[in-house]
C-alpha atoms as a PDB file:
ATOM      1  CA  MET A   1      58.384  -1.692 -29.806  1.00  0.00           C
ATOM      2  CA  SER A   2      60.621  -1.676 -26.673  1.00  0.00           C
ATOM      3  CA  ILE A   3      64.742  -0.326 -26.599  1.00  0.00           C
ATOM      4  CA  GLY A   4      66.148  -1.356 -23.600  1.00  0.00           C
ATOM      5  CA  ALA A   5      68.391   1.097 -21.136  1.00  0.00           C
ATOM      6  CA  ASP A   6      71.325   2.378 -22.708  1.00  0.00           C
ATOM      7  CA  ALA A   7      71.042   0.992 -25.934  1.00  0.00           C
ATOM      8  CA  ASN A   8      72.709   3.046 -28.598  1.00  0.00           C
ATOM      9  CA  LEU A   9      71.205   3.280 -32.233  1.00  0.00           C
ATOM     10  CA  ILE A  10      74.107   5.560 -33.712  1.00  0.00           C
ATOM     11  CA  SER A  11      71.932   6.957 -36.828  1.00  0.00           C
ATOM     12  CA  HIS A  12      70.052   6.374 -39.988  1.00  0.00           C
ATOM     13  CA  VAL A  13      68.776   3.079 -38.070  1.00  0.00           C
ATOM     14  CA  VAL A  14      65.028   1.559 -38.706  1.00  0.00           C
ATOM     15  CA  VAL A  15      63.656  -0.484 -36.204  1.00  0.00           C
ATOM     16  CA  ASP A  16      59.723  -1.393 -36.855  1.00  0.00           C
ATOM     17  CA  GLY A  17      56.851  -3.389 -35.313  1.00  0.00           C
ATOM     18  CA  ARG A  18      56.809  -5.693 -32.109  1.00  0.00           C
ATOM     19  CA  THR A  19      60.345  -5.397 -31.650  1.00  0.00           C
ATOM     20  CA  ARG A  20      62.495  -5.411 -28.667  1.00  0.00           C
ATOM     21  CA  ILE A  21      66.243  -4.423 -28.352  1.00  0.00           C
ATOM     22  CA  GLY A  22      67.827  -5.338 -25.077  1.00  0.00           C
ATOM     23  CA  ALA A  23      69.963  -2.898 -23.147  1.00  0.00           C
ATOM     24  CA  HIS A  24      73.193  -1.644 -23.907  1.00  0.00           C
ATOM     25  CA  ALA A  25      72.856  -3.196 -27.581  1.00  0.00           C
ATOM     26  CA  VAL A  26      74.329  -1.057 -30.425  1.00  0.00           C
ATOM     27  CA  LEU A  27      72.915  -1.001 -33.353  1.00  0.00           C
ATOM     28  CA  TYR A  28      74.874   0.825 -36.486  1.00  0.00           C
ATOM     29  CA  PRO A  29      74.115   3.108 -38.974  1.00  0.00           C
ATOM     30  CA  PHE A  30      71.445   1.836 -41.766  1.00  0.00           C
ATOM     31  CA  CYS A  31      70.466  -1.610 -39.950  1.00  0.00           C
ATOM     32  CA  THR A  32      66.718  -2.448 -40.041  1.00  0.00           C
ATOM     33  CA  VAL A  33      65.393  -4.600 -37.501  1.00  0.00           C
ATOM     34  CA  GLY A  34      61.911  -5.747 -37.338  1.00  0.00           C
ATOM     35  CA  MET A  35      60.696  -5.113 -40.566  1.00  0.00           C
ATOM     36  CA  ALA A  36      58.180  -7.398 -42.686  1.00  0.00           C
ATOM     37  CA  PRO A  37      59.654 -11.203 -43.573  1.00  0.00           C
ATOM     38  CA  GLN A  38      60.435 -11.774 -47.012  1.00  0.00           C
ATOM     39  CA  ASP A  39      57.845 -14.307 -47.223  1.00  0.00           C
ATOM     40  CA  LEU A  40      54.861 -13.986 -49.780  1.00  0.00           C
ATOM     41  CA  LYS A  41      52.902 -15.673 -47.327  1.00  0.00           C
ATOM     42  CA  TYR A  42      52.851 -13.062 -44.743  1.00  0.00           C
ATOM     43  CA  ARG A  43      49.789 -11.064 -44.511  1.00  0.00           C
ATOM     44  CA  GLY A  44      51.129  -8.280 -41.983  1.00  0.00           C
ATOM     45  CA  GLU A  45      50.556 -10.618 -38.701  1.00  0.00           C
ATOM     46  CA  PRO A  46      51.569  -8.983 -35.512  1.00  0.00           C
ATOM     47  CA  THR A  47      54.727 -11.316 -35.320  1.00  0.00           C
ATOM     48  CA  ALA A  48      57.796  -9.973 -33.389  1.00  0.00           C
ATOM     49  CA  CYS A  49      61.602  -9.776 -33.385  1.00  0.00           C
ATOM     50  CA  GLU A  50      63.546  -9.681 -30.208  1.00  0.00           C
ATOM     51  CA  VAL A  51      67.766  -8.541 -30.255  1.00  0.00           C
ATOM     52  CA  GLY A  52      69.328  -9.593 -26.816  1.00  0.00           C
ATOM     53  CA  ALA A  53      71.437  -7.298 -24.468  1.00  0.00           C
ATOM     54  CA  ARG A  54      75.091  -6.099 -25.500  1.00  0.00           C
ATOM     55  CA  THR A  55      74.594  -7.321 -28.899  1.00  0.00           C
ATOM     56  CA  GLN A  56      76.048  -5.381 -31.596  1.00  0.00           C
ATOM     57  CA  LEU A  57      74.624  -5.162 -35.228  1.00  0.00           C
ATOM     58  CA  ARG A  58      76.907  -3.090 -37.728  1.00  0.00           C
ATOM     59  CA  GLU A  59      76.163  -1.450 -40.669  1.00  0.00           C
ATOM     60  CA  HIS A  60      73.471  -2.410 -43.274  1.00  0.00           C
ATOM     61  CA  VAL A  61      72.228  -5.704 -40.730  1.00  0.00           C
ATOM     62  CA  THR A  62      69.213  -6.719 -41.405  1.00  0.00           C
ATOM     63  CA  ILE A  63      66.747  -8.712 -39.473  1.00  0.00           C
ATOM     64  CA  HIS A  64      63.140  -9.761 -40.093  1.00  0.00           C
ATOM     65  CA  ARG A  65      60.570 -10.253 -37.926  1.00  0.00           C
ATOM     66  CA  GLY A  66      58.707 -13.994 -37.512  1.00  0.00           C
ATOM     67  CA  THR A  67      55.694 -15.527 -39.025  1.00  0.00           C
ATOM     68  CA  VAL A  68      52.762 -17.717 -37.828  1.00  0.00           C
ATOM     69  CA  THR A  69      53.933 -20.329 -39.818  1.00  0.00           C
ATOM     70  CA  GLY A  70      57.179 -20.315 -37.795  1.00  0.00           C
ATOM     71  CA  SER A  71      57.444 -19.906 -34.359  1.00  0.00           C
ATOM     72  CA  GLY A  72      56.519 -15.546 -34.723  1.00  0.00           C
ATOM     73  CA  THR A  73      59.690 -14.232 -33.252  1.00  0.00           C
ATOM     74  CA  THR A  74      62.917 -13.860 -34.454  1.00  0.00           C
ATOM     75  CA  ARG A  75      65.600 -13.756 -32.043  1.00  0.00           C
ATOM     76  CA  VAL A  76      69.196 -12.828 -31.645  1.00  0.00           C
ATOM     77  CA  GLY A  77      70.644 -14.009 -28.241  1.00  0.00           C
ATOM     78  CA  ALA A  78      72.700 -11.065 -26.076  1.00  0.00           C
ATOM     79  CA  ASP A  79      76.651 -10.682 -26.823  1.00  0.00           C
ATOM     80  CA  CYS A  80      76.205 -11.534 -30.372  1.00  0.00           C
ATOM     81  CA  LEU A  81      78.062  -9.701 -33.164  1.00  0.00           C
ATOM     82  CA  LEU A  82      76.836  -9.336 -36.327  1.00  0.00           C
ATOM     83  CA  MET A  83      79.091  -7.716 -38.667  1.00  0.00           C
ATOM     84  CA  ALA A  84      78.586  -5.530 -41.646  1.00  0.00           C
ATOM     85  CA  VAL A  85      75.500  -6.965 -44.288  1.00  0.00           C
ATOM     86  CA  VAL A  86      74.390  -9.656 -42.233  1.00  0.00           C
ATOM     87  CA  HIS A  87      70.881 -10.637 -43.240  1.00  0.00           C
ATOM     88  CA  VAL A  88      68.857 -12.719 -40.288  1.00  0.00           C
ATOM     89  CA  ALA A  89      65.586 -13.874 -42.220  1.00  0.00           C
ATOM     90  CA  HIS A  90      62.120 -14.834 -40.214  1.00  0.00           C
ATOM     91  CA  ASP A  91      61.872 -17.124 -37.422  1.00  0.00           C
ATOM     92  CA  CYS A  92      65.476 -17.544 -37.099  1.00  0.00           C
ATOM     93  CA  GLU A  93      66.833 -18.280 -33.832  1.00  0.00           C
ATOM     94  CA  LEU A  94      70.867 -17.306 -32.558  1.00  0.00           C
ATOM     95  CA  GLY A  95      71.723 -18.361 -29.259  1.00  0.00           C
ATOM     96  CA  ASP A  96      74.425 -15.850 -27.081  1.00  0.00           C
ATOM     97  CA  GLY A  97      77.705 -14.892 -27.909  1.00  0.00           C
ATOM     98  CA  VAL A  98      77.433 -15.983 -31.644  1.00  0.00           C
ATOM     99  CA  ILE A  99      79.595 -14.373 -33.694  1.00  0.00           C
ATOM    100  CA  VAL A 100      78.812 -13.597 -37.738  1.00  0.00           C
ATOM    101  CA  ALA A 101      81.214 -12.360 -40.360  1.00  0.00           C
ATOM    102  CA  ASN A 102      80.409  -9.707 -42.644  1.00  0.00           C
ATOM    103  CA  ASN A 103      77.775 -10.744 -45.939  1.00  0.00           C
ATOM    104  CA  VAL A 104      76.498 -13.939 -44.367  1.00  0.00           C
ATOM    105  CA  VAL A 105      72.899 -14.517 -45.671  1.00  0.00           C
ATOM    106  CA  MET A 106      70.492 -16.939 -43.616  1.00  0.00           C
ATOM    107  CA  GLY A 107      66.993 -18.424 -44.898  1.00  0.00           C
ATOM    108  CA  GLY A 108      64.068 -18.602 -42.596  1.00  0.00           C
ATOM    109  CA  HIS A 109      64.145 -20.712 -39.469  1.00  0.00           C
ATOM    110  CA  VAL A 110      67.708 -20.819 -39.254  1.00  0.00           C
ATOM    111  CA  SER A 111      68.916 -22.238 -35.255  1.00  0.00           C
ATOM    112  CA  ILE A 112      72.588 -21.338 -34.392  1.00  0.00           C
ATOM    113  CA  GLY A 113      73.423 -22.291 -31.344  1.00  0.00           C
ATOM    114  CA  ASP A 114      75.562 -20.262 -28.626  1.00  0.00           C
ATOM    115  CA  ASN A 115      79.079 -19.196 -29.176  1.00  0.00           C
ATOM    116  CA  ALA A 116      78.863 -20.503 -33.052  1.00  0.00           C
ATOM    117  CA  VAL A 117      81.059 -18.262 -35.317  1.00  0.00           C
ATOM    118  CA  ILE A 118      79.833 -17.989 -39.135  1.00  0.00           C
ATOM    119  CA  GLY A 119      82.786 -16.963 -41.630  1.00  0.00           C
ATOM    120  CA  GLY A 120      82.059 -14.382 -44.099  1.00  0.00           C
ATOM    121  CA  ALA A 121      79.841 -14.743 -47.146  1.00  0.00           C
ATOM    122  CA  ALA A 122      78.464 -18.222 -45.755  1.00  0.00           C
ATOM    123  CA  ALA A 123      74.757 -18.951 -46.907  1.00  0.00           C
ATOM    124  CA  ILE A 124      72.894 -20.677 -44.514  1.00  0.00           C
ATOM    125  CA  HIS A 125      69.512 -22.795 -46.112  1.00  0.00           C
ATOM    126  CA  GLN A 126      66.398 -22.293 -44.469  1.00  0.00           C
ATOM    127  CA  PHE A 127      65.684 -24.770 -41.396  1.00  0.00           C
ATOM    128  CA  VAL A 128      69.250 -25.461 -40.722  1.00  0.00           C
ATOM    129  CA  ARG A 129      70.598 -26.281 -37.442  1.00  0.00           C
ATOM    130  CA  ILE A 130      73.960 -25.234 -36.444  1.00  0.00           C
ATOM    131  CA  GLY A 131      75.316 -26.743 -33.112  1.00  0.00           C
ATOM    132  CA  ARG A 132      76.631 -24.688 -30.228  1.00  0.00           C
ATOM    133  CA  GLY A 133      80.460 -23.750 -30.350  1.00  0.00           C
ATOM    134  CA  ALA A 134      80.313 -24.759 -34.370  1.00  0.00           C
ATOM    135  CA  MET A 135      82.460 -23.195 -36.789  1.00  0.00           C
ATOM    136  CA  ILE A 136      81.152 -22.265 -40.238  1.00  0.00           C
ATOM    137  CA  GLY A 137      84.051 -21.391 -42.822  1.00  0.00           C
ATOM    138  CA  GLY A 138      83.901 -18.573 -45.296  1.00  0.00           C
ATOM    139  CA  VAL A 139      82.327 -18.696 -48.343  1.00  0.00           C
ATOM    140  CA  SER A 140      80.638 -22.220 -47.460  1.00  0.00           C
ATOM    141  CA  GLY A 141      77.144 -22.985 -48.373  1.00  0.00           C
ATOM    142  CA  VAL A 142      75.355 -25.084 -45.465  1.00  0.00           C
ATOM    143  CA  GLU A 143      72.475 -26.727 -46.855  1.00  0.00           C
ATOM    144  CA  ALA A 144      72.237 -29.087 -43.889  1.00  0.00           C
ATOM    145  CA  ASP A 145      72.732 -29.635 -40.035  1.00  0.00           C
ATOM    146  CA  VAL A 146      76.091 -29.066 -38.260  1.00  0.00           C
ATOM    147  CA  ILE A 147      76.857 -30.912 -34.722  1.00  0.00           C
ATOM    148  CA  PRO A 148      77.766 -28.937 -32.005  1.00  0.00           C
ATOM    149  CA  PHE A 149      81.631 -27.766 -32.296  1.00  0.00           C
ATOM    150  CA  GLY A 150      81.888 -29.268 -35.331  1.00  0.00           C
ATOM    151  CA  SER A 151      83.780 -27.242 -37.908  1.00  0.00           C
ATOM    152  CA  VAL A 152      82.270 -27.278 -41.691  1.00  0.00           C
ATOM    153  CA  ILE A 153      83.786 -25.512 -45.116  1.00  0.00           C
ATOM    154  CA  GLY A 154      82.863 -25.720 -48.878  1.00  0.00           C
ATOM    155  CA  ASN A 155      80.294 -24.963 -51.374  1.00  0.00           C
ATOM    156  CA  ARG A 156      78.610 -27.483 -50.446  1.00  0.00           C
ATOM    157  CA  ALA A 157      79.695 -27.631 -46.890  1.00  0.00           C
ATOM    158  CA  ARG A 158      81.096 -30.591 -45.262  1.00  0.00           C
ATOM    159  CA  LEU A 159      82.363 -31.270 -42.059  1.00  0.00           C
ATOM    160  CA  ALA A 160      85.690 -31.108 -41.939  1.00  0.00           C
ATOM    161  CA  ALA A 161      87.136 -31.255 -38.155  1.00  0.00           C
ATOM    162  CA  LEU A 162      86.091 -29.958 -34.764  1.00  0.00           C
ATOM    163  CA  ASN A 163      86.201 -26.273 -33.580  1.00  0.00           C
ATOM    164  CA  LEU A 164      89.235 -27.363 -31.553  1.00  0.00           C
ATOM    165  CA  VAL A 165      90.222 -23.780 -31.145  1.00  0.00           C
ATOM    166  CA  GLY A 166      86.781 -22.735 -29.886  1.00  0.00           C
ATOM    167  CA  LEU A 167      86.555 -25.436 -27.425  1.00  0.00           C
ATOM    168  CA  LYS A 168      89.811 -24.415 -25.857  1.00  0.00           C
ATOM    169  CA  ARG A 169      88.913 -21.089 -26.036  1.00  0.00           C
ATOM    170  CA  ARG A 170      85.694 -22.155 -23.880  1.00  0.00           C
ATOM    171  CA  GLY A 171      88.014 -23.850 -21.387  1.00  0.00           C
ATOM    172  CA  TYR A 172      87.240 -27.316 -21.694  1.00  0.00           C
ATOM    173  CA  ASP A 173      89.950 -29.486 -20.224  1.00  0.00           C
ATOM    174  CA  ARG A 174      92.037 -31.839 -22.750  1.00  0.00           C
ATOM    175  CA  LEU A 175      90.271 -35.133 -21.414  1.00  0.00           C
ATOM    176  CA  GLN A 176      87.053 -33.763 -22.479  1.00  0.00           C
ATOM    177  CA  ILE A 177      88.500 -32.827 -25.929  1.00  0.00           C
ATOM    178  CA  GLN A 178      90.082 -35.818 -26.123  1.00  0.00           C
ATOM    179  CA  ALA A 179      86.508 -37.592 -25.549  1.00  0.00           C
ATOM    180  CA  LEU A 180      84.770 -35.391 -28.336  1.00  0.00           C
ATOM    181  CA  ARG A 181      87.837 -36.155 -30.498  1.00  0.00           C
ATOM    182  CA  GLY A 182      87.784 -40.126 -30.199  1.00  0.00           C
ATOM    183  CA  ALA A 183      83.967 -39.876 -30.651  1.00  0.00           C
ATOM    184  CA  PHE A 184      84.181 -37.962 -33.638  1.00  0.00           C
ATOM    185  CA  GLN A 185      86.791 -39.939 -35.373  1.00  0.00           C
ATOM    186  CA  MET A 186      84.752 -43.034 -34.405  1.00  0.00           C
ATOM    187  CA  LEU A 187      81.422 -41.557 -36.095  1.00  0.00           C
ATOM    188  CA  PHE A 188      82.810 -39.523 -38.945  1.00  0.00           C
ATOM    189  CA  ARG A 189      86.299 -41.175 -40.121  1.00  0.00           C
ATOM    190  CA  GLY A 190      85.825 -44.637 -38.900  1.00  0.00           C
ATOM    191  CA  THR A 191      84.612 -47.444 -41.673  1.00  0.00           C
ATOM    192  CA  GLY A 192      81.381 -49.464 -42.001  1.00  0.00           C
ATOM    193  CA  VAL A 193      77.797 -49.047 -41.527  1.00  0.00           C
ATOM    194  CA  PHE A 194      77.051 -45.063 -39.998  1.00  0.00           C
ATOM    195  CA  ASN A 195      74.347 -46.719 -37.540  1.00  0.00           C
ATOM    196  CA  GLU A 196      76.752 -49.104 -36.321  1.00  0.00           C
ATOM    197  CA  ARG A 197      79.531 -46.419 -35.611  1.00  0.00           C
ATOM    198  CA  LEU A 198      76.778 -44.425 -33.657  1.00  0.00           C
ATOM    199  CA  CYS A 199      76.001 -47.132 -31.460  1.00  0.00           C
ATOM    200  CA  SER A 200      79.431 -48.069 -30.495  1.00  0.00           C
ATOM    201  CA  VAL A 201      79.795 -43.853 -29.842  1.00  0.00           C
ATOM    202  CA  ARG A 202      76.962 -44.304 -27.242  1.00  0.00           C
ATOM    203  CA  GLU A 203      78.285 -46.998 -25.820  1.00  0.00           C
ATOM    204  CA  ARG A 204      81.661 -45.988 -25.382  1.00  0.00           C
ATOM    205  CA  TYR A 205      81.490 -42.429 -24.657  1.00  0.00           C
ATOM    206  CA  GLY A 206      77.699 -41.744 -23.982  1.00  0.00           C
ATOM    207  CA  SER A 207      78.717 -40.482 -20.648  1.00  0.00           C
ATOM    208  CA  GLU A 208      80.693 -37.694 -21.512  1.00  0.00           C
ATOM    209  CA  ALA A 209      78.891 -34.459 -21.623  1.00  0.00           C
ATOM    210  CA  LEU A 210      80.449 -32.980 -24.854  1.00  0.00           C
ATOM    211  CA  VAL A 211      79.566 -35.872 -26.455  1.00  0.00           C
ATOM    212  CA  ALA A 212      76.202 -36.595 -25.293  1.00  0.00           C
ATOM    213  CA  GLU A 213      75.098 -32.942 -26.489  1.00  0.00           C
ATOM    214  CA  VAL A 214      76.227 -34.120 -30.039  1.00  0.00           C
ATOM    215  CA  LEU A 215      74.397 -37.019 -29.952  1.00  0.00           C
ATOM    216  CA  ALA A 216      71.279 -35.449 -28.783  1.00  0.00           C
ATOM    217  CA  PHE A 217      71.715 -32.996 -31.593  1.00  0.00           C
ATOM    218  CA  MET A 218      71.822 -35.660 -34.067  1.00  0.00           C
ATOM    219  CA  ALA A 219      68.770 -37.032 -32.519  1.00  0.00           C
ATOM    220  CA  ALA A 220      66.517 -34.511 -32.545  1.00  0.00           C
ATOM    221  CA  PRO A 221      64.132 -33.652 -35.411  1.00  0.00           C
ATOM    222  CA  SER A 222      65.672 -32.405 -38.293  1.00  0.00           C
ATOM    223  CA  LYS A 223      64.241 -30.754 -41.672  1.00  0.00           C
ATOM    224  CA  ARG A 224      67.714 -30.846 -43.260  1.00  0.00           C
ATOM    225  CA  GLY A 225      69.390 -33.825 -41.921  1.00  0.00           C
ATOM    226  CA  LEU A 226      72.846 -34.060 -41.184  1.00  0.00           C
ATOM    227  CA  ILE A 227      76.223 -32.305 -42.647  1.00  0.00           C
ATOM    228  CA  ARG A 228      78.709 -35.427 -42.607  1.00  0.00           C
ATOM    229  CA  THR A 229      82.489 -35.650 -43.717  1.00  0.00           C
ATOM    230  CA  ALA A 230      81.832 -37.630 -46.637  1.00  0.00           C
ATOM    231  CA  VAL A 231      78.842 -40.124 -47.982  1.00  0.00           C
ATOM    232  CA  HIS A 232      79.508 -43.450 -48.097  1.00  0.00           C
ATOM    233  CA  ALA A 233      77.583 -46.104 -50.100  1.00  0.00           C
ATOM    234  CA  GLU A 234      76.492 -47.906 -47.081  1.00  0.00           C
ATOM    235  CA  ASP A 235      75.536 -44.727 -45.188  1.00  0.00           C
ATOM    236  CA  GLU A 236      73.161 -43.838 -48.019  1.00  0.00           C
ATOM    237  CA  LEU A 237      71.279 -47.100 -47.485  1.00  0.00           C
ATOM    238  CA  VAL A 238      70.831 -46.923 -43.492  1.00  0.00           C
ATOM    239  CA  ALA A 239      71.227 -43.602 -42.605  1.00  0.00           C
END
């Protein structure tokens, strides 16, 4: 166990196992960090848990250590805020600056990119990837991957729009956002076969940095597939 400089464990906090707490992190009452995972295959292997610098874990947050069938380490990045009664399951990886509202639950092996925002009482299926800067609406059931900067809502969640508020707050300029919006409209609001729309986006917008990030995310290996705005008949045949 390693507790960073000036980390503040306020009271009634449990930190167990091979756990590292970053400098200036704050753990509020009744947090449990690094406890054994809720995985029946776990046999007490020496897996780990990490919480980054300046991250705040509010009351009753639970973060379980990793498993040997996953990465072996559950990680929460720096400058995150996990509000009350959030559960981070084994082998999850949260980037820096992630905000997770009250009562969110994550299955194992979930990946959340930097600066994503997860609305209250959302439920995230195991192995789901959530891209950088994405926004998950409250009480959403997320069972597939969310593109970077996407905004999803619903049970089961569907891609509703781009997270324009988050993009503006992060300082992206009008031209960058316009390019991303154009690509989004072409990909997820256009007509015809999805793979053909995808090729058109690569050709027209592929040199734009934010669009390239979205395309790279979509091309990366996935166990859960991709959340879309709606399922078109032709997409079911070719996606």
